[in-house]
């Protein structure tokens, strides 16, 4: 029952959220920062270059996830 209560609370919370992008921005920023650290561990690149490379690394990550998902669905 506790799991259902948690799901209800999440749905109620999201139903009251005015700006979804604003609410999820900290998580999105942290996720992109992970890729920035991967592509430039020493922090030597200019910020624009680091961000561009991080966005490419993140896209590659998402494509790998999509590929694994498609392969799993084919096995079922």
C-alpha atoms as a PDB file:
ATOM      1  CA  UNK A   1       0.000   0.000   0.000  1.00  0.00           C
ATOM      2  CA  UNK A   2       2.818   2.424   0.760  1.00  0.00           C
ATOM      3  CA  UNK A   3       3.972   2.213  -2.864  1.00  0.00           C
ATOM      4  CA  UNK A   4       0.526   3.227  -4.122  1.00  0.00           C
ATOM      5  CA  UNK A   5       0.411   6.128  -1.648  1.00  0.00           C
ATOM      6  CA  UNK A   6       3.766   7.347  -2.961  1.00  0.00           C
ATOM      7  CA  UNK A   7       2.566   7.163  -6.557  1.00  0.00           C
ATOM      8  CA  UNK A   8      -0.575   9.096  -5.651  1.00  0.00           C
ATOM      9  CA  UNK A   9       1.520  11.768  -3.916  1.00  0.00           C
ATOM     10  CA  UNK A  10       3.756  12.121  -6.977  1.00  0.00           C
ATOM     11  CA  UNK A  11       0.789  12.492  -9.308  1.00  0.00           C
ATOM     12  CA  UNK A  12      -0.838  15.081  -7.062  1.00  0.00           C
ATOM     13  CA  UNK A  13       2.447  16.973  -6.836  1.00  0.00           C
ATOM     14  CA  UNK A  14       2.880  17.044 -10.626  1.00  0.00           C
ATOM     15  CA  UNK A  15      -0.752  18.082 -11.104  1.00  0.00           C
ATOM     16  CA  UNK A  16      -0.001  21.199  -9.043  1.00  0.00           C
ATOM     17  CA  UNK A  17       3.249  22.052 -10.845  1.00  0.00           C
ATOM     18  CA  UNK A  18       2.934  25.269 -12.831  1.00  0.00           C
ATOM     19  CA  UNK A  19       6.281  25.131 -14.655  1.00  0.00           C
ATOM     20  CA  UNK A  20       7.523  21.603 -15.340  1.00  0.00           C
ATOM     21  CA  UNK A  21      10.733  22.794 -17.009  1.00  0.00           C
ATOM     22  CA  UNK A  22      11.640  24.930 -14.015  1.00  0.00           C
ATOM     23  CA  UNK A  23      10.954  22.068 -11.621  1.00  0.00           C
ATOM     24  CA  UNK A  24      13.149  19.600 -13.511  1.00  0.00           C
ATOM     25  CA  UNK A  25      15.960  22.048 -14.398  1.00  0.00           C
ATOM     26  CA  UNK A  26      18.229  21.129 -11.449  1.00  0.00           C
ATOM     27  CA  UNK A  27      18.095  17.439 -12.398  1.00  0.00           C
ATOM     28  CA  UNK A  28      18.685  18.155 -16.091  1.00  0.00           C
ATOM     29  CA  UNK A  29      21.623  20.424 -15.245  1.00  0.00           C
ATOM     30  CA  UNK A  30      23.159  17.779 -12.963  1.00  0.00           C
ATOM     31  CA  UNK A  31      22.734  15.118 -15.652  1.00  0.00           C
ATOM     32  CA  UNK A  32      24.488  17.273 -18.261  1.00  0.00           C
ATOM     33  CA  UNK A  33      27.237  18.153 -15.747  1.00  0.00           C
ATOM     34  CA  UNK A  34      28.001  14.418 -15.460  1.00  0.00           C
ATOM     35  CA  UNK A  35      28.751  14.327 -19.182  1.00  0.00           C
ATOM     36  CA  UNK A  36      30.760  17.558 -18.961  1.00  0.00           C
ATOM     37  CA  UNK A  37      32.996  15.885 -16.375  1.00  0.00           C
ATOM     38  CA  UNK A  38      33.354  12.851 -18.643  1.00  0.00           C
ATOM     39  CA  UNK A  39      34.383  14.809 -21.740  1.00  0.00           C
ATOM     40  CA  UNK A  40      36.607  17.293 -19.894  1.00  0.00           C
ATOM     41  CA  UNK A  41      37.775  15.851 -16.546  1.00  0.00           C
ATOM     42  CA  UNK A  42      40.463  18.540 -16.087  1.00  0.00           C
ATOM     43  CA  UNK A  43      38.152  21.419 -17.003  1.00  0.00           C
ATOM     44  CA  UNK A  44      40.578  22.609 -19.678  1.00  0.00           C
ATOM     45  CA  UNK A  45      38.090  23.214 -22.496  1.00  0.00           C
ATOM     46  CA  UNK A  46      36.274  26.508 -23.008  1.00  0.00           C
ATOM     47  CA  UNK A  47      32.747  26.320 -21.511  1.00  0.00           C
ATOM     48  CA  UNK A  48      30.983  26.398 -24.899  1.00  0.00           C
ATOM     49  CA  UNK A  49      33.151  23.590 -26.285  1.00  0.00           C
ATOM     50  CA  UNK A  50      32.731  21.486 -23.118  1.00  0.00           C
ATOM     51  CA  UNK A  51      28.947  21.918 -23.206  1.00  0.00           C
ATOM     52  CA  UNK A  52      28.759  21.002 -26.896  1.00  0.00           C
ATOM     53  CA  UNK A  53      30.812  17.874 -26.376  1.00  0.00           C
ATOM     54  CA  UNK A  54      28.746  16.970 -23.307  1.00  0.00           C
ATOM     55  CA  UNK A  55      25.533  17.301 -25.301  1.00  0.00           C
ATOM     56  CA  UNK A  56      26.953  14.957 -27.953  1.00  0.00           C
ATOM     57  CA  UNK A  57      28.018  12.456 -25.282  1.00  0.00           C
ATOM     58  CA  UNK A  58      24.544  12.627 -23.747  1.00  0.00           C
ATOM     59  CA  UNK A  59      22.908  11.999 -27.141  1.00  0.00           C
ATOM     60  CA  UNK A  60      25.167   8.982 -27.648  1.00  0.00           C
ATOM     61  CA  UNK A  61      24.170   7.716 -24.206  1.00  0.00           C
ATOM     62  CA  UNK A  62      20.465   8.090 -25.028  1.00  0.00           C
ATOM     63  CA  UNK A  63      20.903   6.286 -28.346  1.00  0.00           C
ATOM     64  CA  UNK A  64      22.656   3.404 -26.575  1.00  0.00           C
ATOM     65  CA  UNK A  65      19.706   3.177 -24.175  1.00  0.00           C
ATOM     66  CA  UNK A  66      17.239   3.224 -27.067  1.00  0.00           C
ATOM     67  CA  UNK A  67      19.196   0.501 -28.862  1.00  0.00           C
ATOM     68  CA  UNK A  68      19.249  -1.708 -25.765  1.00  0.00           C
ATOM     69  CA  UNK A  69      15.519  -1.147 -25.285  1.00  0.00           C
ATOM     70  CA  UNK A  70      14.752  -2.096 -28.881  1.00  0.00           C
ATOM     71  CA  UNK A  71      16.891  -5.219 -28.627  1.00  0.00           C
ATOM     72  CA  UNK A  72      15.129  -6.241 -25.412  1.00  0.00           C
ATOM     73  CA  UNK A  73      11.716  -5.783 -27.002  1.00  0.00           C
ATOM     74  CA  UNK A  74      12.732  -7.950 -29.965  1.00  0.00           C
ATOM     75  CA  UNK A  75      13.740 -10.777 -27.602  1.00  0.00           C
ATOM     76  CA  UNK A  76      10.314 -10.789 -25.945  1.00  0.00           C
END
